[in-house]
C-alpha cells in the first residue's frame, strides 16, 4: 500500500509508543520496528522527497536567467516607449502643433510644473538644507548570543536551539 510520508511517520511513532509501553527489550523493539517495514518505507519516501527537491533546485538557474532576460526586455521596452514619446513631443513642438485628437486618446503639449534647478549648491543658504534623522540603534545578535553562551543574563533574549535538515 502506498501511503504518504506523514501517515508512515504517524504509524511509526504509534508503533514505537505501543512497543515502549509493553514489556519488551530493546532488541525485540528494534526487530519489531524493522519487521513492520516502516523504516524502509519512510526511507524510500524521504529519498523521493529529496530527489524532487533537487529537481526543483535544478530549475533555479534557468528561472534566474529568464528573470534577467525579462528584466532586460522590460527595460528596453520602457526606453523605446520613452524615446517614441520624446520623438513625438519634439516633432509636435517643431511643427507648432499643440493638440492632436485621436479616437482613443488626445495628445497635447503641456507645461510641466516648475522644477527647482540648483546650479551652485555652495551658494544656497544653510536654512534650505535638512539633516536626515539618525538611524535607530541596531541589535547585535552575535554579541547577544556570545553573552548568553557565556551565561550572562540578557533581558528580552534567550538562546533557542532549532532543527534543520542536513543533506550530504
N, C-alpha and C. Protein backbone atom coordinates (compact mmCIF):
# COMPACT_ATOMS: atom_id res chain seq x y z
N UNK A 1 0.85 -1.17 0.00
CA UNK A 1 0.00 0.00 0.00
C UNK A 1 0.90 1.24 0.00
N UNK A 2 0.55 2.22 -0.83
CA UNK A 2 1.35 3.43 -0.98
C UNK A 2 0.76 4.54 -0.10
N UNK A 3 1.41 4.79 1.03
CA UNK A 3 0.93 5.79 1.99
C UNK A 3 1.82 7.02 1.94
N UNK A 4 1.24 8.20 2.22
CA UNK A 4 2.07 9.41 2.28
C UNK A 4 3.02 9.36 3.48
N UNK A 5 4.07 10.15 3.39
CA UNK A 5 5.11 10.16 4.41
C UNK A 5 4.55 10.50 5.79
N UNK A 6 3.64 11.47 5.87
CA UNK A 6 3.12 11.84 7.19
C UNK A 6 2.35 10.70 7.83
N UNK A 7 1.66 9.86 7.03
CA UNK A 7 0.94 8.70 7.57
C UNK A 7 1.94 7.66 8.06
N UNK A 8 2.98 7.42 7.27
CA UNK A 8 4.02 6.47 7.69
C UNK A 8 4.68 6.93 8.99
N UNK A 9 4.96 8.23 9.09
CA UNK A 9 5.60 8.76 10.30
C UNK A 9 4.68 8.60 11.51
N UNK A 10 3.38 8.84 11.32
CA UNK A 10 2.42 8.67 12.42
C UNK A 10 2.36 7.21 12.86
N UNK A 11 2.30 6.30 11.89
CA UNK A 11 2.24 4.87 12.23
C UNK A 11 3.52 4.42 12.93
N UNK A 12 4.66 4.91 12.47
CA UNK A 12 5.94 4.56 13.09
C UNK A 12 5.96 5.03 14.54
N UNK A 13 5.53 6.27 14.76
CA UNK A 13 5.52 6.83 16.13
C UNK A 13 4.54 6.05 17.02
N UNK A 14 3.36 5.72 16.48
CA UNK A 14 2.36 4.98 17.27
C UNK A 14 2.89 3.60 17.64
N UNK A 15 3.55 2.92 16.69
CA UNK A 15 4.11 1.60 16.96
C UNK A 15 5.22 1.70 18.01
N UNK A 16 6.06 2.73 17.89
CA UNK A 16 7.14 2.91 18.87
C UNK A 16 6.57 3.14 20.27
N UNK A 17 5.50 3.91 20.37
CA UNK A 17 4.89 4.17 21.68
C UNK A 17 4.29 2.89 22.25
N UNK A 18 3.57 2.12 21.40
CA UNK A 18 2.97 0.86 21.87
C UNK A 18 4.04 -0.11 22.36
N UNK A 19 5.13 -0.21 21.60
CA UNK A 19 6.20 -1.12 21.99
C UNK A 19 6.90 -0.65 23.26
N UNK A 20 7.08 0.66 23.40
CA UNK A 20 7.74 1.20 24.59
C UNK A 20 6.89 0.98 25.84
N UNK A 21 5.57 1.00 25.67
CA UNK A 21 4.67 0.78 26.81
C UNK A 21 4.62 -0.69 27.22
N UNK A 22 4.96 -1.57 26.28
CA UNK A 22 4.95 -3.01 26.58
C UNK A 22 6.21 -3.42 27.32
N UNK A 23 6.26 -4.68 27.67
CA UNK A 23 7.41 -5.20 28.43
C UNK A 23 8.34 -5.92 27.45
N UNK A 24 9.00 -5.12 26.58
CA UNK A 24 9.89 -5.69 25.56
C UNK A 24 11.29 -5.16 25.77
N UNK A 25 12.28 -5.99 25.42
CA UNK A 25 13.65 -5.49 25.49
C UNK A 25 13.97 -4.71 24.21
N UNK A 26 15.10 -4.01 24.21
CA UNK A 26 15.45 -3.14 23.08
C UNK A 26 15.60 -3.91 21.79
N UNK A 27 16.15 -5.11 21.83
CA UNK A 27 16.33 -5.92 20.62
C UNK A 27 14.97 -6.29 20.03
N UNK A 28 14.03 -6.69 20.88
CA UNK A 28 12.70 -7.06 20.40
C UNK A 28 12.00 -5.85 19.77
N UNK A 29 12.16 -4.69 20.39
CA UNK A 29 11.56 -3.47 19.84
C UNK A 29 12.17 -3.15 18.48
N UNK A 30 13.49 -3.21 18.39
CA UNK A 30 14.17 -2.92 17.13
C UNK A 30 13.77 -3.91 16.05
N UNK A 31 13.70 -5.20 16.39
CA UNK A 31 13.30 -6.22 15.42
C UNK A 31 11.87 -6.01 14.94
N UNK A 32 10.98 -5.68 15.86
CA UNK A 32 9.57 -5.45 15.51
C UNK A 32 9.44 -4.23 14.60
N UNK A 33 10.16 -3.16 14.92
CA UNK A 33 10.11 -1.95 14.09
C UNK A 33 10.62 -2.26 12.69
N UNK A 34 11.72 -3.01 12.61
CA UNK A 34 12.29 -3.37 11.31
C UNK A 34 11.33 -4.26 10.54
N UNK A 35 10.73 -5.24 11.21
CA UNK A 35 9.81 -6.18 10.56
C UNK A 35 8.56 -5.49 10.04
N UNK A 36 8.19 -4.35 10.65
CA UNK A 36 6.99 -3.64 10.20
C UNK A 36 7.18 -3.05 8.80
N UNK A 37 8.42 -2.87 8.39
CA UNK A 37 8.71 -2.30 7.07
C UNK A 37 8.61 -0.78 7.05
N UNK A 38 8.20 -0.19 8.15
CA UNK A 38 8.03 1.27 8.19
C UNK A 38 9.34 2.04 7.99
N UNK A 39 10.45 1.63 8.64
CA UNK A 39 11.69 2.38 8.41
C UNK A 39 12.10 2.39 6.94
N UNK A 40 11.94 1.25 6.27
CA UNK A 40 12.31 1.18 4.85
C UNK A 40 11.39 2.06 4.00
N UNK A 41 10.08 2.01 4.29
CA UNK A 41 9.13 2.83 3.53
C UNK A 41 9.38 4.33 3.76
N UNK A 42 9.67 4.69 5.00
CA UNK A 42 9.97 6.09 5.31
C UNK A 42 11.24 6.52 4.59
N UNK A 43 12.25 5.64 4.56
CA UNK A 43 13.49 5.94 3.85
C UNK A 43 13.26 6.15 2.37
N UNK A 44 12.41 5.31 1.76
CA UNK A 44 12.10 5.47 0.33
C UNK A 44 11.38 6.79 0.07
N UNK A 45 10.43 7.13 0.94
CA UNK A 45 9.70 8.40 0.78
C UNK A 45 10.65 9.58 0.95
N UNK A 46 11.54 9.49 1.94
CA UNK A 46 12.50 10.57 2.18
C UNK A 46 13.40 10.76 0.97
N UNK A 47 13.84 9.65 0.39
CA UNK A 47 14.69 9.73 -0.81
C UNK A 47 13.92 10.38 -1.95
N UNK A 48 12.66 10.00 -2.11
CA UNK A 48 11.84 10.60 -3.16
C UNK A 48 11.65 12.10 -2.95
N UNK A 49 11.40 12.50 -1.71
CA UNK A 49 11.24 13.93 -1.40
C UNK A 49 12.51 14.70 -1.75
N UNK A 50 13.66 14.16 -1.37
CA UNK A 50 14.92 14.85 -1.65
C UNK A 50 15.18 14.93 -3.15
N UNK A 51 14.83 13.89 -3.89
CA UNK A 51 15.03 13.92 -5.34
C UNK A 51 14.15 14.99 -6.00
N UNK A 52 12.91 15.12 -5.54
CA UNK A 52 12.03 16.16 -6.08
C UNK A 52 12.58 17.54 -5.71
N UNK A 53 13.06 17.71 -4.47
CA UNK A 53 13.64 18.99 -4.04
C UNK A 53 14.84 19.34 -4.93
N UNK A 54 15.67 18.36 -5.24
CA UNK A 54 16.84 18.62 -6.10
C UNK A 54 16.40 18.98 -7.52
N UNK A 55 15.31 18.38 -7.99
CA UNK A 55 14.78 18.72 -9.31
C UNK A 55 14.33 20.18 -9.32
N UNK A 56 13.63 20.60 -8.25
CA UNK A 56 13.22 22.00 -8.16
C UNK A 56 14.43 22.92 -8.17
N UNK A 57 15.46 22.56 -7.40
CA UNK A 57 16.66 23.39 -7.34
C UNK A 57 17.38 23.45 -8.68
N UNK A 58 17.30 22.39 -9.46
CA UNK A 58 17.96 22.37 -10.76
C UNK A 58 17.33 23.40 -11.71
N UNK A 59 16.06 23.72 -11.50
CA UNK A 59 15.37 24.69 -12.35
C UNK A 59 15.74 26.13 -12.01
N UNK A 60 16.28 26.37 -10.84
CA UNK A 60 16.51 27.74 -10.36
C UNK A 60 17.44 28.55 -11.27
N UNK A 61 18.59 28.02 -11.74
CA UNK A 61 19.43 28.83 -12.63
C UNK A 61 18.70 29.24 -13.92
N UNK A 62 17.90 28.35 -14.48
CA UNK A 62 17.15 28.69 -15.69
C UNK A 62 16.12 29.78 -15.39
N UNK A 63 15.47 29.68 -14.24
CA UNK A 63 14.49 30.70 -13.84
C UNK A 63 15.19 32.04 -13.63
N UNK A 64 16.35 32.03 -12.97
CA UNK A 64 17.11 33.27 -12.76
C UNK A 64 17.50 33.90 -14.10
N UNK A 65 17.93 33.08 -15.05
CA UNK A 65 18.31 33.59 -16.37
C UNK A 65 17.10 34.19 -17.08
N UNK A 66 15.95 33.55 -16.95
CA UNK A 66 14.73 34.06 -17.59
C UNK A 66 14.29 35.36 -16.93
N UNK A 67 14.42 35.46 -15.62
CA UNK A 67 14.08 36.70 -14.92
C UNK A 67 14.98 37.83 -15.43
N UNK A 68 16.28 37.55 -15.55
CA UNK A 68 17.21 38.56 -16.04
C UNK A 68 16.86 38.98 -17.46
N UNK A 69 16.53 38.00 -18.31
CA UNK A 69 16.17 38.30 -19.70
C UNK A 69 14.92 39.17 -19.75
N UNK A 70 13.91 38.83 -18.95
CA UNK A 70 12.67 39.60 -18.95
C UNK A 70 12.87 41.00 -18.38
N UNK A 71 13.75 41.14 -17.37
CA UNK A 71 14.04 42.48 -16.83
C UNK A 71 14.72 43.34 -17.89
N UNK A 72 15.63 42.74 -18.64
CA UNK A 72 16.30 43.48 -19.71
C UNK A 72 15.30 43.86 -20.81
N UNK A 73 14.40 42.94 -21.13
CA UNK A 73 13.36 43.22 -22.13
C UNK A 73 12.46 44.35 -21.65
N UNK A 74 12.06 44.32 -20.39
CA UNK A 74 11.22 45.38 -19.81
C UNK A 74 11.92 46.73 -19.91
N UNK A 75 13.19 46.75 -19.53
CA UNK A 75 13.97 47.99 -19.56
C UNK A 75 14.07 48.52 -21.00
N UNK A 76 14.31 47.63 -21.95
CA UNK A 76 14.43 48.04 -23.35
C UNK A 76 13.09 48.56 -23.88
N UNK A 77 11.99 47.88 -23.53
CA UNK A 77 10.67 48.33 -23.98
C UNK A 77 10.32 49.69 -23.39
N UNK A 78 10.64 49.91 -22.11
CA UNK A 78 10.35 51.19 -21.48
C UNK A 78 11.18 52.30 -22.12
N UNK A 79 12.44 52.01 -22.41
CA UNK A 79 13.31 53.00 -23.05
C UNK A 79 12.78 53.34 -24.45
N UNK A 80 12.30 52.33 -25.16
CA UNK A 80 11.77 52.55 -26.51
C UNK A 80 10.49 53.38 -26.45
N UNK A 81 9.61 53.09 -25.49
CA UNK A 81 8.37 53.86 -25.33
C UNK A 81 8.70 55.31 -24.99
N UNK A 82 9.65 55.52 -24.08
CA UNK A 82 10.05 56.88 -23.70
C UNK A 82 10.65 57.62 -24.90
N UNK A 83 11.46 56.93 -25.69
CA UNK A 83 12.08 57.55 -26.86
C UNK A 83 11.01 57.93 -27.89
N UNK A 84 10.01 57.09 -28.09
CA UNK A 84 8.94 57.41 -29.04
C UNK A 84 8.14 58.63 -28.58
N UNK A 85 7.86 58.71 -27.30
CA UNK A 85 7.11 59.87 -26.78
C UNK A 85 7.94 61.15 -26.90
N UNK A 86 9.24 61.05 -26.64
CA UNK A 86 10.12 62.20 -26.78
C UNK A 86 10.18 62.63 -28.25
N UNK A 87 10.27 61.67 -29.15
CA UNK A 87 10.28 61.93 -30.59
C UNK A 87 9.00 62.65 -31.01
N UNK A 88 7.86 62.16 -30.50
CA UNK A 88 6.57 62.77 -30.82
C UNK A 88 6.51 64.20 -30.28
N UNK A 89 6.94 64.42 -29.04
CA UNK A 89 6.93 65.75 -28.44
C UNK A 89 7.80 66.72 -29.24
N UNK A 90 9.01 66.30 -29.57
CA UNK A 90 9.92 67.18 -30.33
C UNK A 90 9.32 67.57 -31.68
N UNK A 91 8.69 66.63 -32.35
CA UNK A 91 8.12 66.93 -33.66
C UNK A 91 6.84 67.75 -33.57
N UNK A 92 6.04 67.57 -32.51
CA UNK A 92 4.87 68.43 -32.32
C UNK A 92 5.32 69.86 -32.05
N UNK A 93 6.38 70.03 -31.24
CA UNK A 93 6.91 71.37 -30.96
C UNK A 93 7.48 71.98 -32.23
N UNK A 94 8.24 71.19 -33.01
CA UNK A 94 8.86 71.69 -34.24
C UNK A 94 7.81 72.13 -35.25
N UNK A 95 6.68 71.44 -35.29
CA UNK A 95 5.64 71.79 -36.27
C UNK A 95 4.59 72.73 -35.67
N UNK A 96 4.81 73.16 -34.42
CA UNK A 96 3.92 74.08 -33.72
C UNK A 96 2.49 73.55 -33.63
N UNK A 97 2.37 72.25 -33.39
CA UNK A 97 1.07 71.62 -33.17
C UNK A 97 0.95 71.38 -31.67
N UNK A 98 -0.08 71.93 -31.04
CA UNK A 98 -0.27 71.81 -29.60
C UNK A 98 -1.14 70.62 -29.21
N UNK A 99 -2.10 70.24 -30.08
CA UNK A 99 -3.05 69.17 -29.75
C UNK A 99 -3.28 68.30 -30.97
N UNK A 100 -3.32 66.98 -30.75
CA UNK A 100 -3.71 66.03 -31.79
C UNK A 100 -4.82 65.18 -31.19
N UNK A 101 -6.01 65.25 -31.81
CA UNK A 101 -7.16 64.46 -31.35
C UNK A 101 -7.14 63.12 -32.07
N UNK A 102 -7.25 62.06 -31.31
CA UNK A 102 -7.30 60.70 -31.85
C UNK A 102 -8.56 60.02 -31.30
N UNK A 103 -9.05 58.96 -31.95
CA UNK A 103 -10.25 58.28 -31.44
C UNK A 103 -10.07 57.70 -30.03
N UNK A 104 -8.87 57.25 -29.69
CA UNK A 104 -8.66 56.58 -28.40
C UNK A 104 -8.02 57.47 -27.33
N UNK A 105 -7.37 58.56 -27.75
CA UNK A 105 -6.69 59.43 -26.79
C UNK A 105 -6.46 60.78 -27.43
N UNK A 106 -5.99 61.71 -26.60
CA UNK A 106 -5.70 63.07 -27.03
C UNK A 106 -4.26 63.37 -26.67
N UNK A 107 -3.48 63.80 -27.63
CA UNK A 107 -2.08 64.16 -27.40
C UNK A 107 -1.99 65.67 -27.33
N UNK A 108 -1.29 66.18 -26.32
CA UNK A 108 -1.14 67.62 -26.23
C UNK A 108 0.21 67.97 -25.61
N UNK A 109 0.72 69.10 -26.00
CA UNK A 109 1.96 69.62 -25.44
C UNK A 109 1.55 70.50 -24.26
N UNK A 110 2.01 70.15 -23.08
CA UNK A 110 1.66 70.92 -21.88
C UNK A 110 2.94 71.25 -21.10
N UNK A 111 2.84 72.29 -20.28
CA UNK A 111 3.98 72.69 -19.45
C UNK A 111 4.05 71.78 -18.23
N UNK A 112 5.25 71.44 -17.84
CA UNK A 112 5.48 70.71 -16.59
C UNK A 112 5.34 71.69 -15.43
N UNK A 113 5.08 71.19 -14.23
CA UNK A 113 5.11 72.08 -13.06
C UNK A 113 6.54 72.59 -12.88
N UNK A 114 6.70 73.78 -12.29
CA UNK A 114 8.05 74.32 -12.12
C UNK A 114 8.93 73.36 -11.31
N UNK A 115 10.15 73.20 -11.74
CA UNK A 115 11.11 72.34 -11.05
C UNK A 115 12.29 73.18 -10.60
N UNK A 116 12.82 72.87 -9.44
CA UNK A 116 13.97 73.59 -8.90
C UNK A 116 15.22 73.09 -9.60
N UNK A 117 16.00 74.04 -10.09
CA UNK A 117 17.28 73.71 -10.71
C UNK A 117 18.38 74.34 -9.86
N UNK A 118 19.19 73.52 -9.23
CA UNK A 118 20.30 74.01 -8.41
C UNK A 118 21.54 73.99 -9.28
N UNK A 119 22.07 75.17 -9.57
CA UNK A 119 23.25 75.24 -10.43
C UNK A 119 24.54 75.45 -9.63
N UNK A 120 24.42 75.91 -8.35
CA UNK A 120 25.60 76.04 -7.50
C UNK A 120 25.17 75.83 -6.05
N UNK A 121 25.34 74.64 -5.56
CA UNK A 121 24.89 74.27 -4.21
C UNK A 121 25.60 75.07 -3.13
N UNK A 122 26.81 75.53 -3.39
CA UNK A 122 27.59 76.27 -2.39
C UNK A 122 26.96 77.62 -2.06
N UNK A 123 26.20 78.18 -2.97
CA UNK A 123 25.58 79.48 -2.75
C UNK A 123 24.26 79.38 -1.97
N UNK A 124 23.71 78.20 -1.81
CA UNK A 124 22.42 78.01 -1.13
C UNK A 124 22.62 78.21 0.37
N UNK A 125 21.81 79.06 1.04
CA UNK A 125 21.92 79.24 2.49
C UNK A 125 21.61 77.94 3.25
N UNK A 126 22.22 77.81 4.44
CA UNK A 126 22.06 76.59 5.25
C UNK A 126 20.61 76.34 5.65
N UNK A 127 19.79 77.36 5.70
CA UNK A 127 18.38 77.19 6.07
C UNK A 127 17.65 76.24 5.13
N UNK A 128 18.16 76.07 3.93
CA UNK A 128 17.49 75.23 2.94
C UNK A 128 18.02 73.80 2.91
N UNK A 129 18.86 73.45 3.86
CA UNK A 129 19.37 72.09 3.96
C UNK A 129 18.67 71.38 5.11
N UNK A 130 18.47 70.10 4.97
CA UNK A 130 17.90 69.30 6.05
C UNK A 130 18.90 68.22 6.43
N UNK A 131 18.79 67.78 7.66
CA UNK A 131 19.64 66.68 8.13
C UNK A 131 18.79 65.43 8.20
N UNK A 132 19.27 64.33 7.66
CA UNK A 132 18.48 63.10 7.76
C UNK A 132 18.45 62.63 9.22
N UNK A 133 17.35 62.03 9.64
CA UNK A 133 17.30 61.54 11.02
C UNK A 133 18.33 60.44 11.23
N UNK A 134 18.86 60.40 12.45
CA UNK A 134 19.85 59.37 12.77
C UNK A 134 19.18 58.00 12.74
N UNK A 135 19.86 57.00 12.22
CA UNK A 135 19.25 55.67 12.19
C UNK A 135 19.09 55.12 13.60
N UNK A 136 18.04 54.33 13.83
CA UNK A 136 17.87 53.75 15.16
C UNK A 136 18.99 52.74 15.43
N UNK A 137 19.34 52.54 16.71
CA UNK A 137 20.39 51.57 17.01
C UNK A 137 19.97 50.16 16.58
N UNK A 138 20.92 49.39 16.11
CA UNK A 138 20.67 48.03 15.64
C UNK A 138 21.14 47.02 16.68
N UNK A 139 20.34 45.97 16.85
CA UNK A 139 20.74 44.89 17.75
C UNK A 139 21.94 44.15 17.17
N UNK A 140 22.86 43.78 18.03
CA UNK A 140 24.00 42.97 17.62
C UNK A 140 23.74 41.56 18.14
N UNK A 141 23.12 40.71 17.29
CA UNK A 141 22.74 39.37 17.72
C UNK A 141 23.96 38.50 18.03
N UNK A 142 25.07 38.75 17.36
CA UNK A 142 26.28 37.98 17.67
C UNK A 142 26.76 38.30 19.09
N UNK A 143 26.73 39.57 19.43
CA UNK A 143 27.15 39.99 20.77
C UNK A 143 26.20 39.44 21.83
N UNK A 144 24.90 39.49 21.56
CA UNK A 144 23.91 38.95 22.49
C UNK A 144 24.10 37.44 22.64
N UNK A 145 24.29 36.76 21.52
CA UNK A 145 24.49 35.31 21.55
C UNK A 145 25.72 34.93 22.35
N UNK A 146 26.80 35.67 22.17
CA UNK A 146 28.02 35.37 22.92
C UNK A 146 27.80 35.59 24.42
N UNK A 147 27.09 36.66 24.77
CA UNK A 147 26.81 36.93 26.19
C UNK A 147 25.97 35.81 26.79
N UNK A 148 24.97 35.34 26.06
CA UNK A 148 24.13 34.25 26.56
C UNK A 148 24.92 32.96 26.68
N UNK A 149 25.80 32.70 25.73
CA UNK A 149 26.64 31.50 25.79
C UNK A 149 27.60 31.55 26.98
N UNK A 150 27.99 32.78 27.35
CA UNK A 150 28.89 32.96 28.50
C UNK A 150 28.11 33.05 29.81
N UNK A 151 26.85 32.62 29.79
CA UNK A 151 25.97 32.58 30.98
C UNK A 151 25.66 33.96 31.56
N UNK A 152 25.62 34.98 30.72
CA UNK A 152 25.18 36.30 31.17
C UNK A 152 23.69 36.42 30.90
N UNK A 153 22.98 37.10 31.79
CA UNK A 153 21.55 37.31 31.61
C UNK A 153 21.34 38.51 30.69
N UNK A 154 20.60 38.32 29.60
CA UNK A 154 20.26 39.41 28.70
C UNK A 154 18.74 39.50 28.68
N UNK A 155 18.16 40.48 29.38
CA UNK A 155 16.70 40.60 29.41
C UNK A 155 16.13 40.75 28.00
N UNK A 156 15.08 40.01 27.72
CA UNK A 156 14.43 40.09 26.41
C UNK A 156 15.04 39.19 25.36
N UNK A 157 16.01 38.37 25.73
CA UNK A 157 16.65 37.48 24.75
C UNK A 157 16.95 36.14 25.41
N UNK A 158 16.96 35.10 24.60
CA UNK A 158 17.33 33.76 25.07
C UNK A 158 17.89 32.99 23.88
N UNK A 159 18.64 31.95 24.18
CA UNK A 159 19.15 31.07 23.13
C UNK A 159 18.06 30.05 22.80
N UNK A 160 17.87 29.80 21.52
CA UNK A 160 16.89 28.83 21.07
C UNK A 160 17.60 27.87 20.13
N UNK A 161 17.43 26.59 20.37
CA UNK A 161 18.06 25.57 19.53
C UNK A 161 17.01 25.07 18.55
N UNK A 162 17.21 25.32 17.27
CA UNK A 162 16.30 24.86 16.23
C UNK A 162 16.82 23.61 15.56
N UNK A 163 16.05 23.12 14.62
CA UNK A 163 16.42 21.93 13.85
C UNK A 163 16.42 22.28 12.37
N UNK A 164 17.23 21.60 11.61
CA UNK A 164 17.23 21.75 10.16
C UNK A 164 17.56 20.41 9.55
N UNK A 165 17.28 20.26 8.30
CA UNK A 165 17.58 19.03 7.58
C UNK A 165 18.95 19.18 6.93
N UNK A 166 19.86 18.26 7.21
CA UNK A 166 21.18 18.27 6.59
C UNK A 166 21.19 17.20 5.50
N UNK A 167 21.59 17.59 4.30
CA UNK A 167 21.68 16.66 3.17
C UNK A 167 23.12 16.66 2.72
N UNK A 168 23.76 15.50 2.79
CA UNK A 168 25.18 15.40 2.40
C UNK A 168 25.32 14.49 1.23
